[in-house]
Amino acid sequence: MEPEFLVAGLGNPGSEYESTPHNLGFLVLDRLAERNGIKVGRKQNMAFVGVGTIAGKPVALAKPQTFMNLSGPSIKGLVERYSLSADRLLLIYDELDLPFGSFRIKPKGSAAGHNGMQSVIQSLGTGEIARVRLGIHPGHPVADGSKFVLAPFGRGQRKEVDEMVGLAAEAVESILAEGVEKSMTKFNRRARGLQQEEE
């Protein structure tokens, strides 16, 4: 069964990064795999990959193992391996521009300062890539963004992180079932109550 879609969570390999904001993409991918009975363990193109079915569609789930800022070559290799176009790719990653606990589906756009997304756009030569952006901004000024995204979540944040990861996994399933536009209408409105930001 050849995958018709590639869903990739962006993050950093290694146990020390597991429970940090920068690894929310991995956490959502793990939740998707668990919900849909897909084992993500095969090593391909510098990523852990699992192939299965979500919403009736053959899908490859991937966690690049290259470190966040170098995600592009791994994603490009997988897109080429499965002979997919960019419109069959969905990326999941953390976003410091969005309030903590919120998320936003976008059909395309720039990297907006996110180095992992920038690496993918550069490797594929297009920003026409659907993405689910998970909000991590704490609601107060962040002095050093690069330190903040690699600091573990506090115990008090775990419930909210779990809820956000679960909702984002549902959103990915919706995108695969109904497309990006319908899913944006359904999920971005639900997420808006948690956030002040408007596109």
N, C-alpha and C. Protein backbone atom coordinates (compact mmCIF):
# COMPACT_ATOMS: atom_id res chain seq x y z
N MET A 1 0.84 -1.20 0.00
CA MET A 1 0.00 0.00 0.00
C MET A 1 0.88 1.25 0.00
N GLU A 2 0.88 1.98 -1.10
CA GLU A 2 1.69 3.19 -1.21
C GLU A 2 0.96 4.37 -0.57
N PRO A 3 1.63 5.11 0.30
CA PRO A 3 0.98 6.26 0.95
C PRO A 3 0.56 7.31 -0.07
N GLU A 4 -0.61 7.89 0.16
CA GLU A 4 -1.10 9.00 -0.67
C GLU A 4 -0.83 10.34 0.00
N PHE A 5 -0.51 10.30 1.30
CA PHE A 5 -0.21 11.51 2.06
C PHE A 5 0.99 11.25 2.97
N LEU A 6 1.76 12.31 3.24
CA LEU A 6 2.82 12.26 4.23
C LEU A 6 2.49 13.27 5.32
N VAL A 7 2.37 12.78 6.56
CA VAL A 7 2.13 13.64 7.72
C VAL A 7 3.40 13.60 8.56
N ALA A 8 4.04 14.76 8.75
CA ALA A 8 5.30 14.79 9.48
C ALA A 8 5.21 15.73 10.67
N GLY A 9 5.64 15.24 11.83
CA GLY A 9 5.77 16.08 13.01
C GLY A 9 7.22 16.52 13.12
N LEU A 10 7.45 17.80 13.38
CA LEU A 10 8.82 18.30 13.50
C LEU A 10 9.22 18.37 14.97
N GLY A 11 10.48 18.03 15.24
CA GLY A 11 10.98 18.05 16.61
C GLY A 11 12.46 17.75 16.64
N ASN A 12 12.96 17.45 17.82
CA ASN A 12 14.37 17.09 18.00
C ASN A 12 14.48 15.67 18.53
N PRO A 13 15.42 14.87 17.98
CA PRO A 13 15.60 13.51 18.50
C PRO A 13 16.29 13.53 19.86
N GLY A 14 16.06 12.49 20.64
CA GLY A 14 16.73 12.38 21.94
C GLY A 14 15.77 12.58 23.10
N SER A 15 15.96 11.76 24.14
CA SER A 15 15.03 11.76 25.28
C SER A 15 15.01 13.09 26.03
N GLU A 16 16.13 13.85 25.98
CA GLU A 16 16.17 15.11 26.73
C GLU A 16 15.23 16.17 26.15
N TYR A 17 14.77 15.96 24.91
CA TYR A 17 13.89 16.94 24.27
C TYR A 17 12.43 16.50 24.26
N GLU A 18 12.15 15.31 24.78
CA GLU A 18 10.83 14.71 24.64
C GLU A 18 9.68 15.60 25.10
N SER A 19 9.80 16.21 26.27
CA SER A 19 8.69 16.98 26.85
C SER A 19 8.94 18.47 26.78
N THR A 20 9.41 18.94 25.62
CA THR A 20 9.66 20.37 25.44
C THR A 20 8.72 20.93 24.36
N PRO A 21 8.49 22.25 24.37
CA PRO A 21 7.61 22.84 23.36
C PRO A 21 8.03 22.52 21.92
N HIS A 22 9.34 22.46 21.68
CA HIS A 22 9.83 22.23 20.32
C HIS A 22 9.51 20.82 19.82
N ASN A 23 9.02 19.95 20.70
CA ASN A 23 8.71 18.58 20.28
C ASN A 23 7.21 18.30 20.23
N LEU A 24 6.39 19.35 20.21
CA LEU A 24 4.95 19.13 20.12
C LEU A 24 4.57 18.40 18.83
N GLY A 25 5.29 18.67 17.76
CA GLY A 25 5.01 17.97 16.50
C GLY A 25 5.16 16.46 16.66
N PHE A 26 6.21 16.04 17.37
CA PHE A 26 6.42 14.61 17.64
C PHE A 26 5.29 14.05 18.51
N LEU A 27 4.88 14.83 19.51
CA LEU A 27 3.83 14.36 20.43
C LEU A 27 2.51 14.14 19.69
N VAL A 28 2.17 15.05 18.79
CA VAL A 28 0.94 14.89 17.99
C VAL A 28 1.07 13.67 17.08
N LEU A 29 2.24 13.50 16.47
CA LEU A 29 2.42 12.35 15.59
C LEU A 29 2.29 11.04 16.36
N ASP A 30 2.86 10.99 17.56
CA ASP A 30 2.73 9.79 18.41
C ASP A 30 1.26 9.52 18.73
N ARG A 31 0.50 10.58 19.03
CA ARG A 31 -0.92 10.43 19.35
C ARG A 31 -1.69 9.90 18.11
N LEU A 32 -1.38 10.44 16.95
CA LEU A 32 -2.01 9.97 15.71
C LEU A 32 -1.73 8.49 15.47
N ALA A 33 -0.46 8.12 15.66
CA ALA A 33 -0.06 6.72 15.46
C ALA A 33 -0.81 5.80 16.41
N GLU A 34 -0.90 6.22 17.67
CA GLU A 34 -1.59 5.44 18.70
C GLU A 34 -3.09 5.29 18.37
N ARG A 35 -3.72 6.39 17.99
CA ARG A 35 -5.16 6.40 17.69
C ARG A 35 -5.51 5.55 16.47
N ASN A 36 -4.55 5.41 15.55
CA ASN A 36 -4.83 4.73 14.29
C ASN A 36 -4.06 3.43 14.10
N GLY A 37 -3.44 2.96 15.18
CA GLY A 37 -2.76 1.66 15.14
C GLY A 37 -1.61 1.59 14.16
N ILE A 38 -0.84 2.67 14.08
CA ILE A 38 0.31 2.71 13.16
C ILE A 38 1.59 2.70 13.98
N LYS A 39 2.52 1.81 13.62
CA LYS A 39 3.80 1.73 14.33
C LYS A 39 4.83 2.58 13.60
N VAL A 40 5.33 3.61 14.28
CA VAL A 40 6.32 4.51 13.68
C VAL A 40 7.69 4.10 14.19
N GLY A 41 8.41 3.30 13.42
CA GLY A 41 9.70 2.81 13.88
C GLY A 41 10.71 2.51 12.78
N ARG A 42 10.22 2.42 11.55
CA ARG A 42 11.11 2.12 10.43
C ARG A 42 11.99 3.34 10.12
N LYS A 43 13.28 3.13 9.87
CA LYS A 43 14.17 4.25 9.58
C LYS A 43 14.26 4.45 8.07
N GLN A 44 13.82 5.60 7.60
CA GLN A 44 13.88 5.95 6.18
C GLN A 44 14.22 7.42 6.05
N ASN A 45 15.14 7.74 5.16
CA ASN A 45 15.44 9.14 4.86
C ASN A 45 15.61 9.99 6.12
N MET A 46 16.43 9.50 7.03
CA MET A 46 16.74 10.24 8.27
C MET A 46 15.50 10.52 9.11
N ALA A 47 14.53 9.61 9.08
CA ALA A 47 13.30 9.78 9.86
C ALA A 47 12.80 8.43 10.34
N PHE A 48 12.03 8.43 11.44
CA PHE A 48 11.26 7.25 11.83
C PHE A 48 9.92 7.35 11.13
N VAL A 49 9.54 6.27 10.46
CA VAL A 49 8.35 6.30 9.60
C VAL A 49 7.44 5.12 9.93
N GLY A 50 6.15 5.34 9.79
CA GLY A 50 5.16 4.26 9.88
C GLY A 50 4.11 4.47 8.81
N VAL A 51 3.65 3.39 8.20
CA VAL A 51 2.65 3.49 7.14
C VAL A 51 1.38 2.79 7.58
N GLY A 52 0.23 3.42 7.33
CA GLY A 52 -1.04 2.83 7.70
C GLY A 52 -2.18 3.61 7.07
N THR A 53 -3.36 3.51 7.67
CA THR A 53 -4.54 4.18 7.13
C THR A 53 -5.14 5.11 8.17
N ILE A 54 -5.44 6.35 7.76
CA ILE A 54 -6.15 7.30 8.61
C ILE A 54 -7.28 7.89 7.77
N ALA A 55 -8.48 7.87 8.30
CA ALA A 55 -9.66 8.39 7.59
C ALA A 55 -9.81 7.75 6.21
N GLY A 56 -9.44 6.46 6.15
CA GLY A 56 -9.59 5.72 4.90
C GLY A 56 -8.52 6.02 3.86
N LYS A 57 -7.52 6.82 4.21
CA LYS A 57 -6.46 7.19 3.27
C LYS A 57 -5.14 6.52 3.67
N PRO A 58 -4.42 5.95 2.69
CA PRO A 58 -3.08 5.42 2.98
C PRO A 58 -2.12 6.58 3.31
N VAL A 59 -1.50 6.51 4.48
CA VAL A 59 -0.71 7.63 4.99
C VAL A 59 0.63 7.14 5.52
N ALA A 60 1.68 7.95 5.30
CA ALA A 60 2.96 7.72 5.97
C ALA A 60 3.09 8.77 7.08
N LEU A 61 3.39 8.33 8.29
CA LEU A 61 3.66 9.23 9.40
C LEU A 61 5.18 9.28 9.60
N ALA A 62 5.73 10.48 9.80
CA ALA A 62 7.19 10.60 9.89
C ALA A 62 7.63 11.55 10.99
N LYS A 63 8.74 11.17 11.66
CA LYS A 63 9.40 12.01 12.65
C LYS A 63 10.86 12.16 12.24
N PRO A 64 11.21 13.25 11.53
CA PRO A 64 12.61 13.43 11.13
C PRO A 64 13.54 13.41 12.34
N GLN A 65 14.69 12.76 12.17
CA GLN A 65 15.65 12.61 13.27
C GLN A 65 16.90 13.47 13.03
N THR A 66 16.71 14.60 12.38
CA THR A 66 17.83 15.44 11.94
C THR A 66 18.05 16.67 12.79
N PHE A 67 17.27 16.86 13.83
CA PHE A 67 17.14 18.11 14.58
C PHE A 67 16.27 19.07 13.78
N MET A 68 15.46 19.79 14.51
CA MET A 68 14.41 20.65 13.95
C MET A 68 14.86 21.51 12.78
N ASN A 69 15.97 22.23 12.96
CA ASN A 69 16.35 23.24 11.97
C ASN A 69 16.87 22.65 10.66
N LEU A 70 17.05 21.33 10.64
CA LEU A 70 17.55 20.66 9.43
C LEU A 70 16.53 19.64 8.91
N SER A 71 15.25 19.89 9.17
CA SER A 71 14.20 18.93 8.81
C SER A 71 14.01 18.77 7.30
N GLY A 72 14.35 19.79 6.53
CA GLY A 72 14.04 19.83 5.10
C GLY A 72 14.52 18.64 4.29
N PRO A 73 15.82 18.30 4.34
CA PRO A 73 16.31 17.18 3.51
C PRO A 73 15.60 15.86 3.80
N SER A 74 15.27 15.60 5.06
CA SER A 74 14.56 14.38 5.42
C SER A 74 13.16 14.37 4.79
N ILE A 75 12.43 15.49 4.93
CA ILE A 75 11.08 15.60 4.36
C ILE A 75 11.14 15.47 2.84
N LYS A 76 12.09 16.15 2.22
CA LYS A 76 12.22 16.09 0.76
C LYS A 76 12.48 14.65 0.30
N GLY A 77 13.35 13.95 1.02
CA GLY A 77 13.65 12.56 0.68
C GLY A 77 12.41 11.67 0.76
N LEU A 78 11.58 11.89 1.78
CA LEU A 78 10.37 11.09 1.94
C LEU A 78 9.33 11.41 0.87
N VAL A 79 9.18 12.71 0.56
CA VAL A 79 8.25 13.13 -0.49
C VAL A 79 8.64 12.47 -1.82
N GLU A 80 9.95 12.44 -2.10
CA GLU A 80 10.42 11.82 -3.35
C GLU A 80 10.29 10.30 -3.30
N ARG A 81 10.58 9.72 -2.15
CA ARG A 81 10.47 8.26 -2.00
C ARG A 81 9.06 7.78 -2.33
N TYR A 82 8.06 8.53 -1.86
CA TYR A 82 6.67 8.12 -2.06
C TYR A 82 6.02 8.80 -3.28
N SER A 83 6.84 9.52 -4.07
CA SER A 83 6.34 10.18 -5.30
C SER A 83 5.14 11.07 -5.02
N LEU A 84 5.26 11.90 -3.98
CA LEU A 84 4.16 12.79 -3.58
C LEU A 84 4.47 14.22 -3.99
N SER A 85 3.42 15.01 -4.24
CA SER A 85 3.59 16.43 -4.47
C SER A 85 3.41 17.15 -3.13
N ALA A 86 3.81 18.43 -3.10
CA ALA A 86 3.76 19.20 -1.84
C ALA A 86 2.35 19.30 -1.28
N ASP A 87 1.33 19.22 -2.14
CA ASP A 87 -0.04 19.33 -1.63
C ASP A 87 -0.52 18.05 -0.95
N ARG A 88 0.34 17.04 -0.92
CA ARG A 88 0.03 15.80 -0.19
C ARG A 88 0.86 15.70 1.09
N LEU A 89 1.44 16.82 1.49
CA LEU A 89 2.27 16.88 2.70
C LEU A 89 1.58 17.74 3.75
N LEU A 90 1.61 17.27 4.99
CA LEU A 90 1.06 18.03 6.12
C LEU A 90 2.11 18.05 7.23
N LEU A 91 2.47 19.24 7.69
CA LEU A 91 3.48 19.38 8.74
C LEU A 91 2.83 19.84 10.05
N ILE A 92 3.37 19.35 11.16
CA ILE A 92 2.87 19.71 12.50
C ILE A 92 4.06 20.21 13.31
N TYR A 93 3.93 21.43 13.87
CA TYR A 93 5.06 21.96 14.63
C TYR A 93 4.60 23.05 15.60
N ASP A 94 5.49 23.39 16.54
CA ASP A 94 5.21 24.41 17.56
C ASP A 94 5.35 25.80 16.96
N GLU A 95 4.64 26.76 17.55
CA GLU A 95 4.65 28.13 17.03
C GLU A 95 4.64 29.15 18.17
N LEU A 96 5.74 29.88 18.33
CA LEU A 96 5.88 30.85 19.41
C LEU A 96 4.99 32.08 19.20
N ASP A 97 4.49 32.28 17.99
CA ASP A 97 3.62 33.43 17.71
C ASP A 97 2.17 33.19 18.17
N LEU A 98 1.83 31.97 18.55
CA LEU A 98 0.46 31.66 18.98
C LEU A 98 0.44 31.39 20.49
N PRO A 99 -0.64 31.79 21.17
CA PRO A 99 -0.74 31.57 22.62
C PRO A 99 -0.72 30.09 22.99
N PHE A 100 -0.14 29.82 24.14
CA PHE A 100 -0.03 28.44 24.63
C PHE A 100 -1.40 27.77 24.71
N GLY A 101 -1.48 26.56 24.21
CA GLY A 101 -2.71 25.78 24.27
C GLY A 101 -3.58 25.92 23.05
N SER A 102 -3.27 26.88 22.17
CA SER A 102 -4.07 27.07 20.96
C SER A 102 -3.38 26.38 19.78
N PHE A 103 -4.09 26.25 18.68
CA PHE A 103 -3.42 25.82 17.45
C PHE A 103 -4.16 26.37 16.25
N ARG A 104 -3.49 26.35 15.12
CA ARG A 104 -4.03 26.96 13.92
C ARG A 104 -3.66 26.12 12.69
N ILE A 105 -4.67 25.78 11.90
CA ILE A 105 -4.44 25.10 10.62
C ILE A 105 -4.23 26.18 9.55
N LYS A 106 -3.19 26.01 8.74
CA LYS A 106 -2.95 26.93 7.62
C LYS A 106 -2.70 26.12 6.35
N PRO A 107 -3.25 26.56 5.20
CA PRO A 107 -3.08 25.81 3.97
C PRO A 107 -1.73 26.02 3.30
N LYS A 108 -1.08 27.16 3.59
CA LYS A 108 0.20 27.49 2.96
C LYS A 108 0.74 28.74 3.62
N GLY A 109 1.91 29.22 3.17
CA GLY A 109 2.44 30.46 3.71
C GLY A 109 3.94 30.40 3.90
N SER A 110 4.48 31.47 4.48
CA SER A 110 5.91 31.54 4.75
C SER A 110 6.22 30.75 6.03
N ALA A 111 7.49 30.70 6.36
CA ALA A 111 7.91 30.00 7.59
C ALA A 111 7.63 30.84 8.84
N ALA A 112 7.40 32.14 8.66
CA ALA A 112 7.12 33.06 9.78
C ALA A 112 8.17 32.94 10.88
N GLY A 113 9.43 32.80 10.47
CA GLY A 113 10.52 32.75 11.44
C GLY A 113 10.78 31.40 12.07
N HIS A 114 10.01 30.36 11.68
CA HIS A 114 10.22 29.03 12.24
C HIS A 114 11.29 28.30 11.41
N ASN A 115 12.43 28.00 12.05
CA ASN A 115 13.56 27.45 11.30
C ASN A 115 13.31 26.07 10.71
N GLY A 116 12.55 25.25 11.41
CA GLY A 116 12.24 23.91 10.87
C GLY A 116 11.40 24.02 9.61
N MET A 117 10.38 24.88 9.66
CA MET A 117 9.53 25.10 8.49
C MET A 117 10.33 25.73 7.36
N GLN A 118 11.21 26.66 7.70
CA GLN A 118 12.05 27.30 6.68
C GLN A 118 12.92 26.28 5.96
N SER A 119 13.46 25.32 6.71
CA SER A 119 14.29 24.27 6.12
C SER A 119 13.49 23.43 5.11
N VAL A 120 12.23 23.12 5.46
CA VAL A 120 11.37 22.33 4.57
C VAL A 120 11.03 23.14 3.31
N ILE A 121 10.68 24.41 3.49
CA ILE A 121 10.34 25.27 2.34
C ILE A 121 11.53 25.39 1.39
N GLN A 122 12.72 25.58 1.96
CA GLN A 122 13.92 25.68 1.12
C GLN A 122 14.19 24.38 0.37
N SER A 123 14.04 23.26 1.05
CA SER A 123 14.33 21.96 0.42
C SER A 123 13.34 21.63 -0.68
N LEU A 124 12.06 21.96 -0.47
CA LEU A 124 11.03 21.62 -1.46
C LEU A 124 10.82 22.74 -2.49
N GLY A 125 11.31 23.93 -2.18
CA GLY A 125 11.18 25.05 -3.12
C GLY A 125 9.77 25.61 -3.20
N THR A 126 8.98 25.41 -2.15
CA THR A 126 7.61 25.94 -2.15
C THR A 126 7.10 26.13 -0.73
N GLY A 127 6.24 27.15 -0.55
CA GLY A 127 5.56 27.35 0.73
C GLY A 127 4.13 26.84 0.68
N GLU A 128 3.76 26.17 -0.43
CA GLU A 128 2.40 25.65 -0.61
C GLU A 128 2.27 24.33 0.15
N ILE A 129 2.45 24.40 1.44
CA ILE A 129 2.45 23.21 2.30
C ILE A 129 1.47 23.45 3.45
N ALA A 130 0.50 22.55 3.60
CA ALA A 130 -0.44 22.67 4.71
C ALA A 130 0.28 22.38 6.02
N ARG A 131 -0.16 23.08 7.06
CA ARG A 131 0.48 22.86 8.36
C ARG A 131 -0.49 23.07 9.52
N VAL A 132 -0.19 22.39 10.63
CA VAL A 132 -0.90 22.60 11.90
C VAL A 132 0.12 23.19 12.86
N ARG A 133 -0.11 24.44 13.27
CA ARG A 133 0.82 25.16 14.14
C ARG A 133 0.29 25.16 15.57
N LEU A 134 1.10 24.70 16.51
CA LEU A 134 0.69 24.54 17.90
C LEU A 134 1.26 25.66 18.76
N GLY A 135 0.38 26.43 19.39
CA GLY A 135 0.80 27.61 20.14
C GLY A 135 1.56 27.28 21.42
N ILE A 136 2.68 27.98 21.63
CA ILE A 136 3.48 27.75 22.83
C ILE A 136 3.81 29.04 23.58
N HIS A 137 3.30 30.21 23.12
CA HIS A 137 3.67 31.46 23.78
C HIS A 137 3.06 31.51 25.19
N PRO A 138 3.88 31.82 26.21
CA PRO A 138 3.40 31.71 27.60
C PRO A 138 2.55 32.89 28.07
N GLY A 139 2.40 33.93 27.26
CA GLY A 139 1.58 35.06 27.68
C GLY A 139 2.36 36.16 28.36
N HIS A 140 3.69 36.00 28.43
CA HIS A 140 4.56 37.07 28.94
C HIS A 140 5.79 37.11 28.03
N PRO A 141 6.55 38.20 28.05
CA PRO A 141 7.70 38.30 27.14
C PRO A 141 8.69 37.15 27.32
N VAL A 142 9.18 36.63 26.20
CA VAL A 142 10.18 35.55 26.23
C VAL A 142 11.53 36.15 25.87
N ALA A 143 12.46 36.14 26.82
CA ALA A 143 13.76 36.79 26.61
C ALA A 143 14.59 36.05 25.56
N ASP A 144 14.58 34.73 25.63
CA ASP A 144 15.40 33.92 24.72
C ASP A 144 14.54 32.79 24.16
N GLY A 145 14.04 32.99 22.95
CA GLY A 145 13.14 32.01 22.34
C GLY A 145 13.76 30.65 22.17
N SER A 146 15.06 30.61 21.79
CA SER A 146 15.70 29.32 21.54
C SER A 146 15.85 28.51 22.83
N LYS A 147 16.05 29.20 23.97
CA LYS A 147 16.11 28.48 25.26
C LYS A 147 14.71 28.03 25.67
N PHE A 148 13.74 28.92 25.48
CA PHE A 148 12.37 28.64 25.90
C PHE A 148 11.81 27.38 25.24
N VAL A 149 12.02 27.24 23.93
CA VAL A 149 11.43 26.10 23.21
C VAL A 149 12.06 24.76 23.59
N LEU A 150 13.23 24.81 24.24
CA LEU A 150 13.92 23.58 24.62
C LEU A 150 13.83 23.29 26.13
N ALA A 151 13.09 24.14 26.86
CA ALA A 151 12.90 23.92 28.30
C ALA A 151 11.69 23.02 28.52
N PRO A 152 11.79 22.01 29.38
CA PRO A 152 10.67 21.08 29.58
C PRO A 152 9.40 21.78 30.06
N PHE A 153 8.25 21.23 29.68
CA PHE A 153 6.97 21.73 30.17
C PHE A 153 6.92 21.56 31.68
N GLY A 154 6.25 22.50 32.36
CA GLY A 154 6.05 22.38 33.80
C GLY A 154 4.93 21.37 34.08
N ARG A 155 4.92 20.86 35.30
CA ARG A 155 3.91 19.87 35.68
C ARG A 155 2.50 20.42 35.49
N GLY A 156 2.32 21.70 35.80
CA GLY A 156 1.00 22.33 35.68
C GLY A 156 0.52 22.49 34.24
N GLN A 157 1.41 22.34 33.29
CA GLN A 157 1.04 22.51 31.88
C GLN A 157 0.62 21.20 31.22
N ARG A 158 0.87 20.09 31.88
CA ARG A 158 0.71 18.79 31.21
C ARG A 158 -0.71 18.51 30.73
N LYS A 159 -1.70 18.91 31.54
CA LYS A 159 -3.10 18.66 31.15
C LYS A 159 -3.44 19.44 29.88
N GLU A 160 -3.02 20.71 29.85
CA GLU A 160 -3.30 21.55 28.69
C GLU A 160 -2.55 21.04 27.45
N VAL A 161 -1.31 20.61 27.65
CA VAL A 161 -0.54 20.04 26.53
C VAL A 161 -1.25 18.81 25.99
N ASP A 162 -1.70 17.95 26.89
CA ASP A 162 -2.40 16.73 26.48
C ASP A 162 -3.66 17.05 25.68
N GLU A 163 -4.41 18.06 26.14
CA GLU A 163 -5.64 18.46 25.43
C GLU A 163 -5.31 19.02 24.05
N MET A 164 -4.27 19.85 23.97
CA MET A 164 -3.87 20.45 22.69
C MET A 164 -3.41 19.37 21.71
N VAL A 165 -2.63 18.42 22.21
CA VAL A 165 -2.13 17.32 21.36
C VAL A 165 -3.30 16.48 20.84
N GLY A 166 -4.27 16.19 21.72
CA GLY A 166 -5.43 15.41 21.30
C GLY A 166 -6.26 16.12 20.24
N LEU A 167 -6.50 17.42 20.45
CA LEU A 167 -7.29 18.20 19.48
C LEU A 167 -6.55 18.32 18.15
N ALA A 168 -5.24 18.52 18.21
CA ALA A 168 -4.45 18.64 16.98
C ALA A 168 -4.46 17.32 16.20
N ALA A 169 -4.42 16.19 16.92
CA ALA A 169 -4.51 14.89 16.25
C ALA A 169 -5.86 14.74 15.55
N GLU A 170 -6.93 15.18 16.23
CA GLU A 170 -8.26 15.18 15.61
C GLU A 170 -8.28 16.05 14.36
N ALA A 171 -7.62 17.20 14.43
CA ALA A 171 -7.58 18.13 13.30
C ALA A 171 -6.88 17.49 12.10
N VAL A 172 -5.80 16.77 12.35
CA VAL A 172 -5.09 16.09 11.25
C VAL A 172 -5.99 15.04 10.61
N GLU A 173 -6.70 14.28 11.45
CA GLU A 173 -7.64 13.28 10.91
C GLU A 173 -8.72 13.94 10.07
N SER A 174 -9.18 15.11 10.52
CA SER A 174 -10.19 15.86 9.78
C SER A 174 -9.64 16.34 8.44
N ILE A 175 -8.40 16.84 8.43
CA ILE A 175 -7.78 17.31 7.19
C ILE A 175 -7.69 16.17 6.17
N LEU A 176 -7.32 15.00 6.63
CA LEU A 176 -7.21 13.85 5.73
C LEU A 176 -8.58 13.40 5.23
N ALA A 177 -9.59 13.54 6.07
CA ALA A 177 -10.95 13.10 5.71
C ALA A 177 -11.68 14.11 4.84
N GLU A 178 -11.56 15.41 5.19
CA GLU A 178 -12.42 16.44 4.59
C GLU A 178 -11.67 17.55 3.87
N GLY A 179 -10.35 17.58 3.99
CA GLY A 179 -9.58 18.65 3.37
C GLY A 179 -9.27 19.78 4.33
N VAL A 180 -8.34 20.63 3.91
CA VAL A 180 -7.84 21.70 4.78
C VAL A 180 -8.90 22.77 5.04
N GLU A 181 -9.61 23.21 4.01
CA GLU A 181 -10.54 24.33 4.17
C GLU A 181 -11.65 24.02 5.18
N LYS A 182 -12.29 22.87 5.02
CA LYS A 182 -13.35 22.48 5.97
C LYS A 182 -12.81 22.35 7.38
N SER A 183 -11.62 21.80 7.49
CA SER A 183 -11.02 21.59 8.82
C SER A 183 -10.65 22.92 9.47
N MET A 184 -10.21 23.88 8.66
CA MET A 184 -9.92 25.22 9.20
C MET A 184 -11.18 25.83 9.80
N THR A 185 -12.30 25.71 9.10
CA THR A 185 -13.57 26.26 9.60
C THR A 185 -13.95 25.61 10.92
N LYS A 186 -13.77 24.31 10.98
CA LYS A 186 -14.19 23.54 12.16
C LYS A 186 -13.26 23.77 13.35
N PHE A 187 -11.95 23.71 13.12
CA PHE A 187 -11.01 23.71 14.24
C PHE A 187 -10.44 25.08 14.59
N ASN A 188 -10.21 25.94 13.60
CA ASN A 188 -9.63 27.25 13.94
C ASN A 188 -10.59 28.07 14.79
N ARG A 189 -11.88 27.90 14.57
CA ARG A 189 -12.87 28.61 15.37
C ARG A 189 -12.83 28.09 16.81
N ARG A 190 -12.71 26.78 16.97
CA ARG A 190 -12.64 26.20 18.32
C ARG A 190 -11.38 26.67 19.03
N ALA A 191 -10.30 26.79 18.29
CA ALA A 191 -9.03 27.20 18.89
C ALA A 191 -9.04 28.68 19.25
N ARG A 192 -9.88 29.46 18.58
CA ARG A 192 -9.82 30.91 18.73
C ARG A 192 -10.15 31.38 20.14
N GLY A 193 -10.99 30.64 20.83
CA GLY A 193 -11.32 31.01 22.21
C GLY A 193 -10.10 31.02 23.12
N LEU A 194 -9.08 30.28 22.74
CA LEU A 194 -7.88 30.17 23.55
C LEU A 194 -6.85 31.24 23.18
N GLN A 195 -7.08 31.97 22.08
CA GLN A 195 -6.04 32.85 21.60
C GLN A 195 -6.55 34.24 21.25
N GLN A 196 -5.69 35.21 21.36
CA GLN A 196 -6.04 36.60 21.06
C GLN A 196 -5.68 36.93 19.61
N GLU A 197 -4.77 36.12 19.04
CA GLU A 197 -4.19 36.44 17.74
C GLU A 197 -5.19 36.20 16.60
N GLU A 198 -5.22 37.11 15.64
CA GLU A 198 -6.01 36.93 14.42
C GLU A 198 -5.07 36.99 13.24
N GLU A 199 -5.31 36.16 12.24
CA GLU A 199 -4.43 36.18 11.06
C GLU A 199 -4.61 37.49 10.31
